[in-house]
C-alpha atoms as a PDB file:
ATOM      1  CA  MET A   1      13.468 -23.440  -2.590  1.00  0.00           C
ATOM      2  CA  ASN A   2       9.688 -23.965  -2.289  1.00  0.00           C
ATOM      3  CA  ASP A   3       7.818 -24.365   0.918  1.00  0.00           C
ATOM      4  CA  VAL A   4       6.844 -27.933   1.922  1.00  0.00           C
ATOM      5  CA  LYS A   5       3.163 -28.612   0.992  1.00  0.00           C
ATOM      6  CA  THR A   6       1.049 -30.892   3.211  1.00  0.00           C
ATOM      7  CA  ILE A   7      -0.876 -33.505   1.356  1.00  0.00           C
ATOM      8  CA  LEU A   8      -3.717 -35.204   3.246  1.00  0.00           C
ATOM      9  CA  ILE A   9      -4.770 -38.689   2.447  1.00  0.00           C
ATOM     10  CA  ARG A  10      -7.711 -40.572   3.688  1.00  0.00           C
ATOM     11  CA  GLU A  11      -5.762 -43.734   4.825  1.00  0.00           C
ATOM     12  CA  GLU A  12      -2.305 -44.971   4.948  1.00  0.00           C
ATOM     13  CA  PRO A  13      -0.247 -46.417   3.423  1.00  0.00           C
ATOM     14  CA  ILE A  14      -0.429 -45.003  -0.042  1.00  0.00           C
ATOM     15  CA  GLU A  15       1.948 -46.223  -2.758  1.00  0.00           C
ATOM     16  CA  LEU A  16       4.333 -43.676  -3.917  1.00  0.00           C
ATOM     17  CA  CYS A  17       3.392 -43.719  -7.657  1.00  0.00           C
ATOM     18  CA  GLN A  18      -0.293 -43.050  -6.508  1.00  0.00           C
ATOM     19  CA  LEU A  19       0.888 -40.187  -4.275  1.00  0.00           C
ATOM     20  CA  LEU A  20       2.905 -38.293  -6.868  1.00  0.00           C
ATOM     21  CA  LYS A  21      -0.201 -38.423  -9.258  1.00  0.00           C
ATOM     22  CA  PHE A  22      -2.637 -37.446  -6.309  1.00  0.00           C
ATOM     23  CA  ALA A  23      -0.303 -34.707  -5.153  1.00  0.00           C
ATOM     24  CA  GLY A  24       0.016 -33.168  -8.649  1.00  0.00           C
ATOM     25  CA  LEU A  25       3.721 -33.819  -8.816  1.00  0.00           C
ATOM     26  CA  ALA A  26       3.106 -36.152 -11.911  1.00  0.00           C
ATOM     27  CA  GLY A  27       0.346 -35.847 -14.491  1.00  0.00           C
ATOM     28  CA  THR A  28      -0.204 -39.425 -14.901  1.00  0.00           C
ATOM     29  CA  GLY A  29       0.590 -42.783 -13.387  1.00  0.00           C
ATOM     30  CA  GLY A  30       2.987 -43.476 -16.190  1.00  0.00           C
ATOM     31  CA  GLU A  31       4.697 -40.209 -15.616  1.00  0.00           C
ATOM     32  CA  ALA A  32       5.018 -40.921 -11.904  1.00  0.00           C
ATOM     33  CA  LYS A  33       6.733 -44.149 -12.595  1.00  0.00           C
ATOM     34  CA  HIS A  34       9.052 -42.555 -15.249  1.00  0.00           C
ATOM     35  CA  LEU A  35      10.354 -39.907 -12.441  1.00  0.00           C
ATOM     36  CA  ILE A  36      10.791 -42.840  -9.929  1.00  0.00           C
ATOM     37  CA  VAL A  37      12.753 -45.033 -12.505  1.00  0.00           C
ATOM     38  CA  GLN A  38      14.870 -42.117 -13.570  1.00  0.00           C
ATOM     39  CA  GLU A  39      15.849 -41.756  -9.653  1.00  0.00           C
ATOM     40  CA  LEU A  40      14.319 -38.279  -9.571  1.00  0.00           C
ATOM     41  CA  VAL A  41      12.228 -38.905  -6.445  1.00  0.00           C
ATOM     42  CA  SER A  42      13.430 -38.998  -2.886  1.00  0.00           C
ATOM     43  CA  VAL A  43      11.579 -40.178   0.257  1.00  0.00           C
ATOM     44  CA  ASN A  44      12.851 -38.817   3.562  1.00  0.00           C
ATOM     45  CA  GLY A  45      16.058 -37.553   1.928  1.00  0.00           C
ATOM     46  CA  GLU A  46      16.843 -40.816   0.232  1.00  0.00           C
ATOM     47  CA  VAL A  47      16.411 -41.720  -3.548  1.00  0.00           C
ATOM     48  CA  GLU A  48      13.561 -44.031  -4.092  1.00  0.00           C
ATOM     49  CA  THR A  49      13.216 -46.352  -7.106  1.00  0.00           C
ATOM     50  CA  ARG A  50      10.386 -48.490  -5.979  1.00  0.00           C
ATOM     51  CA  LYS A  51       7.165 -47.352  -7.386  1.00  0.00           C
ATOM     52  CA  ARG A  52       5.029 -49.301  -4.914  1.00  0.00           C
ATOM     53  CA  ARG A  53       7.131 -47.903  -1.826  1.00  0.00           C
ATOM     54  CA  LYS A  54       4.495 -47.504   0.961  1.00  0.00           C
ATOM     55  CA  ILE A  55       4.337 -44.065   2.104  1.00  0.00           C
ATOM     56  CA  VAL A  56       2.890 -43.115   5.524  1.00  0.00           C
ATOM     57  CA  SER A  57       2.091 -39.953   7.562  1.00  0.00           C
ATOM     58  CA  GLY A  58       5.011 -37.951   8.205  1.00  0.00           C
ATOM     59  CA  ASP A  59       7.072 -39.060   5.110  1.00  0.00           C
ATOM     60  CA  MET A  60       8.588 -36.280   2.972  1.00  0.00           C
ATOM     61  CA  VAL A  61       8.635 -36.706  -0.772  1.00  0.00           C
ATOM     62  CA  ALA A  62      10.594 -34.480  -2.910  1.00  0.00           C
ATOM     63  CA  ILE A  63      11.190 -34.003  -6.746  1.00  0.00           C
ATOM     64  CA  GLY A  64      13.676 -31.297  -7.481  1.00  0.00           C
ATOM     65  CA  ASP A  65      12.668 -28.447  -5.394  1.00  0.00           C
ATOM     66  CA  GLN A  66       8.959 -29.465  -4.910  1.00  0.00           C
ATOM     67  CA  ARG A  67       8.471 -31.009  -1.430  1.00  0.00           C
ATOM     68  CA  ILE A  68       5.601 -32.611   0.115  1.00  0.00           C
ATOM     69  CA  VAL A  69       4.815 -34.105   3.420  1.00  0.00           C
ATOM     70  CA  VAL A  70       1.973 -36.487   3.899  1.00  0.00           C
ATOM     71  CA  ALA A  71      -0.527 -36.476   6.691  1.00  0.00           C
ATOM     72  CA  VAL A  72      -3.715 -38.434   7.218  1.00  0.00           C
ATOM     73  CA  GLY A  73      -6.841 -36.344   7.407  1.00  0.00           C
END
């Protein structure tokens, strides 16, 4: 399993679909939405199907074995 990568955002919250694109877990906004609808994304260990879910500092987002944690910086 990959290590957890920290993603710094300027301000919180950030929408899940925006975060996936910003973090490089999805190439486009459309791809990010597709991953979420297909129930391939989890937030803090729970499958998340809301593309506009608000993500804040400390949240862990995962797709498969790729994991990121969000921090404000």
